N, C-alpha and C. Protein backbone atom coordinates (compact mmCIF):
# COMPACT_ATOMS: atom_id res chain seq x y z
N MET A 1 57.76 150.55 -38.39
CA MET A 1 57.64 149.25 -38.86
C MET A 1 58.48 148.28 -38.20
N ARG A 2 59.86 148.75 -38.01
CA ARG A 2 60.80 147.89 -37.26
C ARG A 2 60.45 147.53 -35.92
N LEU A 3 59.93 148.57 -35.24
CA LEU A 3 59.48 148.36 -33.80
C LEU A 3 58.30 147.22 -33.78
N ILE A 4 57.37 147.25 -34.69
CA ILE A 4 56.26 146.38 -34.77
C ILE A 4 56.74 144.81 -34.90
N ILE A 5 57.71 144.76 -35.74
CA ILE A 5 58.47 143.52 -36.01
C ILE A 5 59.13 142.98 -34.80
N ILE A 6 59.92 143.81 -34.10
CA ILE A 6 60.52 143.48 -32.85
C ILE A 6 59.44 143.14 -31.92
N LEU A 7 58.37 143.86 -31.62
CA LEU A 7 57.33 143.50 -30.68
C LEU A 7 56.75 142.16 -30.90
N LEU A 8 56.48 141.95 -32.29
CA LEU A 8 55.88 140.68 -32.58
C LEU A 8 56.74 139.47 -32.34
N THR A 9 58.05 139.59 -32.65
CA THR A 9 59.01 138.58 -32.44
C THR A 9 59.19 138.29 -30.88
N VAL A 10 59.12 139.41 -30.15
CA VAL A 10 59.31 139.17 -28.61
C VAL A 10 58.05 138.52 -28.15
N GLY A 11 56.82 138.96 -28.74
CA GLY A 11 55.63 138.32 -28.39
C GLY A 11 55.60 136.74 -28.64
N MET A 12 56.07 136.39 -29.95
CA MET A 12 56.03 135.02 -30.26
C MET A 12 56.99 134.25 -29.41
N LEU A 13 58.28 134.81 -29.02
CA LEU A 13 59.08 134.15 -28.10
C LEU A 13 58.50 133.88 -26.77
N SER A 14 57.83 134.83 -26.21
CA SER A 14 57.27 134.57 -24.82
C SER A 14 56.11 133.50 -25.03
N TRP A 15 55.37 133.62 -26.07
CA TRP A 15 54.34 132.60 -26.29
C TRP A 15 54.92 131.21 -26.39
N SER A 16 55.94 131.09 -27.05
CA SER A 16 56.64 129.87 -27.25
C SER A 16 57.21 129.28 -25.87
N ALA A 17 57.87 130.31 -25.05
CA ALA A 17 58.46 129.85 -23.73
C ALA A 17 57.27 129.49 -22.87
N ALA A 18 56.02 130.08 -22.86
CA ALA A 18 54.87 129.82 -22.25
C ALA A 18 54.48 128.29 -22.39
N ASP A 19 54.31 128.01 -23.73
CA ASP A 19 54.07 126.68 -24.30
C ASP A 19 55.09 125.57 -23.71
N ALA A 20 56.34 125.85 -23.75
CA ALA A 20 57.42 125.08 -23.33
C ALA A 20 57.36 124.83 -21.78
N ALA A 21 56.97 125.76 -21.08
CA ALA A 21 56.78 125.68 -19.62
C ALA A 21 55.57 124.81 -19.32
N ASP A 22 54.47 125.05 -20.03
CA ASP A 22 53.25 124.22 -19.89
C ASP A 22 53.57 122.66 -20.31
N ASP A 23 54.33 122.53 -21.31
CA ASP A 23 54.64 121.11 -21.73
C ASP A 23 55.51 120.51 -20.67
N GLU A 24 56.46 121.29 -20.07
CA GLU A 24 57.48 120.68 -19.08
C GLU A 24 56.56 120.33 -17.81
N ALA A 25 55.69 121.15 -17.53
CA ALA A 25 54.75 120.97 -16.32
C ALA A 25 53.86 119.60 -16.65
N VAL A 26 53.45 119.47 -17.86
CA VAL A 26 52.65 118.29 -18.15
C VAL A 26 53.62 117.08 -18.11
N LEU A 27 54.78 117.17 -18.51
CA LEU A 27 55.56 116.09 -18.49
C LEU A 27 56.10 115.57 -17.07
N ARG A 28 56.16 116.62 -16.17
CA ARG A 28 56.59 116.39 -14.82
C ARG A 28 55.47 115.72 -14.05
N ASP A 29 54.19 116.09 -14.45
CA ASP A 29 53.06 115.54 -13.66
C ASP A 29 52.85 114.10 -14.26
N PHE A 30 53.18 113.97 -15.50
CA PHE A 30 53.19 112.60 -16.07
C PHE A 30 53.86 111.54 -15.25
N LYS A 31 55.20 111.99 -15.24
CA LYS A 31 56.19 111.09 -14.52
C LYS A 31 56.11 111.09 -13.07
N SER A 32 55.70 112.16 -12.32
CA SER A 32 55.85 112.35 -10.79
C SER A 32 54.43 111.93 -10.32
N LEU A 33 53.37 111.95 -11.04
CA LEU A 33 51.93 111.60 -10.49
C LEU A 33 51.28 110.67 -11.30
N LEU A 34 50.91 110.94 -12.53
CA LEU A 34 49.87 110.24 -13.19
C LEU A 34 50.22 108.90 -13.62
N SER A 35 51.47 108.61 -14.02
CA SER A 35 51.89 107.32 -14.36
C SER A 35 51.99 106.35 -13.11
N GLN A 36 52.43 107.02 -12.02
CA GLN A 36 52.39 106.18 -10.75
C GLN A 36 51.05 105.83 -10.32
N GLN A 37 50.09 106.80 -10.53
CA GLN A 37 48.59 106.61 -10.06
C GLN A 37 48.14 105.49 -10.98
N ALA A 38 48.31 105.53 -12.28
CA ALA A 38 47.83 104.34 -13.09
C ALA A 38 48.33 103.08 -12.64
N TYR A 39 49.53 102.89 -12.45
CA TYR A 39 50.17 101.68 -12.08
C TYR A 39 49.77 101.15 -10.68
N ARG A 40 49.65 102.03 -9.72
CA ARG A 40 49.50 101.86 -8.37
C ARG A 40 47.99 101.32 -8.28
N ASN A 41 47.11 102.01 -8.84
CA ASN A 41 45.61 101.82 -8.78
C ASN A 41 45.18 100.83 -9.89
N GLN A 42 46.14 100.29 -10.66
CA GLN A 42 45.63 99.44 -11.75
C GLN A 42 44.55 100.16 -12.75
N ASP A 43 44.85 101.46 -13.10
CA ASP A 43 43.72 102.13 -13.69
C ASP A 43 44.07 102.07 -15.14
N THR A 44 43.67 101.27 -15.88
CA THR A 44 44.01 101.03 -17.43
C THR A 44 43.25 102.13 -18.16
N GLU A 45 42.12 102.78 -17.65
CA GLU A 45 41.56 103.91 -18.41
C GLU A 45 42.57 105.08 -18.51
N LEU A 46 43.19 105.26 -17.30
CA LEU A 46 44.20 106.41 -17.23
C LEU A 46 45.38 106.00 -17.97
N LEU A 47 45.94 104.73 -17.95
CA LEU A 47 47.03 104.40 -18.70
C LEU A 47 46.92 104.37 -20.20
N ASP A 48 45.63 104.04 -20.57
CA ASP A 48 45.26 104.19 -22.07
C ASP A 48 45.43 105.63 -22.48
N ARG A 49 45.03 106.61 -21.68
CA ARG A 49 45.20 107.99 -22.11
C ARG A 49 46.60 108.55 -22.10
N LEU A 50 47.51 107.85 -21.15
CA LEU A 50 48.80 108.35 -21.08
C LEU A 50 49.76 107.61 -22.24
N LEU A 51 49.50 106.40 -22.81
CA LEU A 51 50.22 105.88 -23.69
C LEU A 51 49.88 105.99 -25.07
N HIS A 52 50.71 106.34 -25.96
CA HIS A 52 50.51 106.37 -27.40
C HIS A 52 50.08 104.89 -27.98
N ASP A 53 49.27 104.90 -28.89
CA ASP A 53 49.07 103.54 -29.30
C ASP A 53 50.33 102.76 -29.78
N SER A 54 51.32 103.49 -30.20
CA SER A 54 52.53 102.69 -30.68
C SER A 54 53.53 102.49 -29.44
N PHE A 55 53.15 102.80 -28.41
CA PHE A 55 54.02 102.57 -27.15
C PHE A 55 54.67 101.20 -26.97
N GLN A 56 55.87 101.20 -26.59
CA GLN A 56 56.65 99.94 -26.24
C GLN A 56 57.48 100.26 -25.15
N MET A 57 57.52 99.15 -24.40
CA MET A 57 58.37 99.16 -23.04
C MET A 57 59.45 98.18 -23.35
N ILE A 58 60.65 98.52 -22.70
CA ILE A 58 61.76 97.60 -22.62
C ILE A 58 62.12 97.55 -21.14
N ASN A 59 61.82 96.30 -20.50
CA ASN A 59 62.15 96.17 -19.08
C ASN A 59 63.51 95.97 -18.82
N GLY A 60 63.94 95.84 -17.55
CA GLY A 60 65.28 95.60 -17.13
C GLY A 60 65.92 94.17 -17.68
N ALA A 61 65.04 93.33 -18.12
CA ALA A 61 65.56 92.15 -18.66
C ALA A 61 65.62 92.16 -20.02
N GLY A 62 65.48 93.19 -20.56
CA GLY A 62 65.50 93.42 -22.05
C GLY A 62 64.37 92.92 -22.75
N GLN A 63 63.24 92.64 -22.14
CA GLN A 63 61.96 92.19 -22.77
C GLN A 63 61.19 93.37 -23.22
N ARG A 64 60.53 93.22 -24.44
CA ARG A 64 59.77 94.21 -24.92
C ARG A 64 58.18 94.02 -24.89
N SER A 65 57.56 94.96 -24.51
CA SER A 65 56.06 94.90 -24.50
C SER A 65 55.28 95.99 -25.29
N THR A 66 54.19 95.82 -25.69
CA THR A 66 53.31 96.84 -26.33
C THR A 66 52.43 97.58 -25.38
N LYS A 67 51.77 98.45 -25.66
CA LYS A 67 50.76 99.26 -25.03
C LYS A 67 49.72 98.19 -24.46
N GLN A 68 49.16 97.33 -25.28
CA GLN A 68 48.10 96.43 -24.80
C GLN A 68 48.74 95.34 -23.88
N GLN A 69 50.00 94.90 -24.05
CA GLN A 69 50.51 93.99 -23.07
C GLN A 69 50.77 94.64 -21.84
N GLU A 70 51.20 96.00 -21.74
CA GLU A 70 51.45 96.74 -20.60
C GLU A 70 50.12 96.91 -19.77
N MET A 71 49.05 97.24 -20.60
CA MET A 71 47.67 97.31 -19.99
C MET A 71 47.24 96.13 -19.30
N GLU A 72 47.43 95.02 -20.01
CA GLU A 72 47.04 93.68 -19.36
C GLU A 72 47.85 93.48 -18.16
N ARG A 73 49.27 93.64 -18.27
CA ARG A 73 49.90 93.50 -16.99
C ARG A 73 49.51 94.30 -15.79
N ILE A 74 49.19 95.54 -16.00
CA ILE A 74 48.71 96.39 -14.81
C ILE A 74 47.22 95.82 -14.43
N ARG A 75 46.49 95.36 -15.28
CA ARG A 75 45.22 94.91 -15.04
C ARG A 75 45.29 93.77 -14.10
N THR A 76 46.28 92.81 -14.18
CA THR A 76 46.37 91.60 -13.54
C THR A 76 47.56 91.40 -12.42
N THR A 77 48.33 92.53 -12.43
CA THR A 77 49.43 92.49 -11.49
C THR A 77 49.46 93.85 -10.69
N ARG A 78 49.28 93.75 -9.29
CA ARG A 78 49.32 94.94 -8.50
C ARG A 78 50.79 95.29 -8.27
N TRP A 79 51.00 96.72 -8.40
CA TRP A 79 52.24 97.35 -8.20
C TRP A 79 52.26 98.05 -6.79
N ASP A 80 52.96 97.50 -5.90
CA ASP A 80 53.11 98.21 -4.64
C ASP A 80 54.37 98.48 -4.06
N PRO A 81 55.03 99.59 -4.55
CA PRO A 81 56.50 99.86 -4.15
C PRO A 81 56.62 100.39 -2.76
N GLY A 82 55.56 100.51 -1.98
CA GLY A 82 55.64 101.34 -0.89
C GLY A 82 55.74 102.70 -1.23
N ASN A 83 56.57 103.36 -0.39
CA ASN A 83 56.83 104.83 -0.76
C ASN A 83 57.64 104.86 -2.03
N PHE A 84 57.30 105.74 -2.98
CA PHE A 84 57.84 105.92 -4.21
C PHE A 84 58.08 107.31 -4.59
N GLU A 85 59.20 107.64 -5.20
CA GLU A 85 59.37 108.94 -5.94
C GLU A 85 60.34 108.68 -7.24
N PHE A 86 59.76 109.41 -8.16
CA PHE A 86 60.56 109.49 -9.46
C PHE A 86 61.38 110.78 -9.55
N ARG A 87 62.62 110.79 -9.52
CA ARG A 87 63.42 112.01 -9.66
C ARG A 87 63.88 112.19 -11.03
N ILE A 88 63.33 113.21 -11.63
CA ILE A 88 63.62 113.74 -12.95
C ILE A 88 65.10 114.23 -13.12
N GLU A 89 66.01 113.53 -13.90
CA GLU A 89 67.24 114.19 -13.97
C GLU A 89 67.59 114.59 -15.38
N ARG A 90 66.60 114.52 -16.23
CA ARG A 90 66.73 115.03 -17.67
C ARG A 90 65.29 115.28 -18.14
N LEU A 91 65.14 116.42 -18.74
CA LEU A 91 63.69 116.70 -19.37
C LEU A 91 63.99 117.66 -20.51
N ASP A 92 64.11 117.23 -21.70
CA ASP A 92 64.30 118.00 -22.94
C ASP A 92 63.20 117.82 -23.83
N ILE A 93 62.69 119.02 -24.36
CA ILE A 93 61.63 119.03 -25.36
C ILE A 93 62.29 119.52 -26.76
N TYR A 94 61.96 118.85 -27.74
CA TYR A 94 62.55 119.14 -28.99
C TYR A 94 61.44 119.52 -29.87
N GLN A 95 61.51 120.81 -30.56
CA GLN A 95 60.70 121.47 -31.45
C GLN A 95 59.30 121.33 -31.12
N GLY A 96 59.02 121.46 -29.77
CA GLY A 96 57.62 121.53 -29.15
C GLY A 96 56.76 120.28 -29.47
N ARG A 97 57.49 119.18 -29.87
CA ARG A 97 56.59 117.95 -30.31
C ARG A 97 57.17 116.62 -29.75
N PHE A 98 58.42 116.65 -29.38
CA PHE A 98 59.03 115.40 -28.95
C PHE A 98 59.85 115.72 -27.68
N ALA A 99 59.71 114.66 -26.66
CA ALA A 99 60.51 114.99 -25.38
C ALA A 99 61.20 113.70 -24.89
N VAL A 100 62.21 113.86 -24.12
CA VAL A 100 63.07 112.86 -23.47
C VAL A 100 62.76 113.14 -22.03
N VAL A 101 62.37 112.23 -21.14
CA VAL A 101 62.61 112.46 -19.68
C VAL A 101 63.13 111.06 -19.21
N ASP A 102 64.21 111.44 -18.31
CA ASP A 102 64.80 110.27 -17.67
C ASP A 102 65.04 110.72 -16.22
N GLY A 103 65.33 109.54 -15.34
CA GLY A 103 65.56 109.75 -13.95
C GLY A 103 65.81 108.50 -13.32
N THR A 104 65.44 108.57 -11.99
CA THR A 104 65.65 107.46 -11.10
C THR A 104 64.24 107.19 -10.34
N GLY A 105 63.97 106.00 -10.35
CA GLY A 105 62.79 105.57 -9.53
C GLY A 105 63.20 105.15 -8.12
N ILE A 106 62.80 105.73 -7.08
CA ILE A 106 63.17 105.29 -5.80
C ILE A 106 62.03 104.79 -5.02
N ALA A 107 62.13 103.45 -4.77
CA ALA A 107 61.01 102.86 -3.91
C ALA A 107 61.63 102.31 -2.71
N ASP A 108 60.85 101.83 -1.83
CA ASP A 108 61.38 101.50 -0.38
C ASP A 108 62.37 100.36 -0.54
N ARG A 109 62.24 99.47 -1.43
CA ARG A 109 63.16 98.27 -1.56
C ARG A 109 63.88 98.21 -2.75
N TYR A 110 63.88 99.11 -3.67
CA TYR A 110 64.69 99.18 -4.85
C TYR A 110 64.77 100.68 -5.49
N THR A 111 65.83 100.69 -6.43
CA THR A 111 65.96 101.88 -7.25
C THR A 111 65.94 101.39 -8.74
N TYR A 112 65.86 102.29 -9.63
CA TYR A 112 66.04 101.90 -10.94
C TYR A 112 66.20 103.12 -11.80
N LYS A 113 66.63 102.90 -13.03
CA LYS A 113 66.70 104.05 -13.99
C LYS A 113 65.83 103.91 -15.07
N SER A 114 65.14 104.89 -15.60
CA SER A 114 64.16 104.92 -16.57
C SER A 114 64.38 106.05 -17.62
N SER A 115 64.30 105.70 -18.84
CA SER A 115 64.33 106.74 -20.01
C SER A 115 62.94 106.75 -20.62
N ASN A 116 62.36 107.74 -20.97
CA ASN A 116 61.02 107.92 -21.43
C ASN A 116 60.93 108.89 -22.53
N PHE A 117 60.10 108.51 -23.54
CA PHE A 117 60.12 109.30 -24.86
C PHE A 117 58.69 109.66 -25.09
N PHE A 118 58.39 110.88 -25.49
CA PHE A 118 57.02 111.38 -25.63
C PHE A 118 56.88 112.04 -27.00
N VAL A 119 55.60 112.01 -27.46
CA VAL A 119 55.24 112.74 -28.66
C VAL A 119 54.00 113.69 -28.31
N LYS A 120 54.07 114.89 -28.87
CA LYS A 120 52.79 115.65 -28.67
C LYS A 120 52.02 115.60 -30.08
N GLU A 121 50.85 115.15 -29.96
CA GLU A 121 50.00 115.18 -31.20
C GLU A 121 48.71 115.84 -30.81
N ASP A 122 48.15 116.77 -31.66
CA ASP A 122 46.86 117.28 -31.43
C ASP A 122 46.89 117.94 -29.98
N GLY A 123 48.06 118.37 -29.64
CA GLY A 123 48.07 119.20 -28.35
C GLY A 123 48.07 118.21 -27.08
N VAL A 124 48.29 116.85 -27.24
CA VAL A 124 48.31 116.02 -26.16
C VAL A 124 49.75 115.23 -26.24
N CYS A 125 50.42 115.22 -25.01
CA CYS A 125 51.62 114.43 -24.89
C CYS A 125 51.42 113.06 -24.41
N ARG A 126 51.93 112.21 -25.05
CA ARG A 126 51.67 110.78 -24.75
C ARG A 126 53.10 110.08 -24.81
N ALA A 127 53.28 108.88 -24.12
CA ALA A 127 54.44 108.36 -24.00
C ALA A 127 54.53 107.36 -25.09
N ILE A 128 55.69 107.18 -25.95
CA ILE A 128 55.77 106.38 -27.06
C ILE A 128 56.75 105.31 -26.74
N ALA A 129 57.66 105.29 -25.65
CA ALA A 129 58.59 104.40 -25.29
C ALA A 129 59.08 104.65 -24.05
N SER A 130 59.44 103.46 -23.37
CA SER A 130 60.11 103.60 -22.00
C SER A 130 61.12 102.37 -21.93
N HIS A 131 62.22 102.75 -21.26
CA HIS A 131 63.27 101.73 -21.10
C HIS A 131 63.68 101.81 -19.58
N VAL A 132 63.69 100.61 -18.83
CA VAL A 132 64.01 100.58 -17.47
C VAL A 132 65.39 99.72 -17.45
N SER A 133 66.19 100.12 -16.55
CA SER A 133 67.42 99.38 -16.29
C SER A 133 68.07 99.74 -15.04
N GLY A 134 69.04 98.96 -14.57
CA GLY A 134 69.92 99.25 -13.32
C GLY A 134 69.12 99.08 -12.10
N ARG A 135 68.16 98.16 -12.05
CA ARG A 135 67.48 97.99 -10.80
C ARG A 135 68.38 97.51 -9.78
N GLU A 136 68.31 98.11 -8.66
CA GLU A 136 69.18 97.76 -7.45
C GLU A 136 68.36 97.71 -6.27
N SER A 137 68.52 96.63 -5.58
CA SER A 137 67.76 96.45 -4.13
C SER A 137 68.46 97.52 -3.17
N ARG A 138 67.55 97.98 -2.39
CA ARG A 138 67.78 98.80 -1.24
C ARG A 138 67.78 98.12 -0.04
N PRO A 139 68.70 98.47 1.01
CA PRO A 139 68.64 97.77 2.21
C PRO A 139 67.33 98.04 2.97
N GLU A 140 66.89 97.05 3.68
CA GLU A 140 65.73 97.17 4.60
C GLU A 140 66.00 98.28 5.68
N PRO A 141 65.03 99.05 5.85
CA PRO A 141 65.32 100.11 7.04
C PRO A 141 65.46 99.35 8.44
N SER A 142 66.33 99.77 9.11
CA SER A 142 66.48 99.03 10.53
C SER A 142 65.46 99.58 11.32
N ALA A 143 65.21 98.95 12.49
CA ALA A 143 64.26 99.40 13.39
C ALA A 143 64.60 100.65 13.98
N SER A 144 65.89 101.07 14.15
CA SER A 144 66.23 102.34 14.75
C SER A 144 66.00 103.46 13.76
N GLN A 145 65.79 103.17 12.38
CA GLN A 145 65.55 104.25 11.58
C GLN A 145 64.09 104.57 11.41
N ASN A 146 63.26 103.88 12.03
CA ASN A 146 61.76 104.04 11.95
C ASN A 146 61.38 104.91 13.07
């Protein structure tokens, strides 16, 4: 009987670890691929799926916007950072339901810090909040660097 309990416990732990690994992969794709795709392509349908209805953004100037305001902004304003990479520096998942992802956005002409908060409901991870700060200009590449 004790052996069965040990085997069941080990099985539950590896199942949980697999779920956590899947959730981590989803969050990495969200920040590294999907959100960039939505903003770059002005894809409000994708953004609608990525953002929770309660989503709020706080930009570098401290201004707050809702999901609907963010969707309207990308519908009317093209984002073209040139080359862009988001480097994840923290990714923590709490109780399989809540996550924090932060890091540095690196574009051709600027960098910034971003903290993002996610909730998993009905098996789907969506962003509930984002905060951007620390935007700094990057020097233009010289002709010798091209």
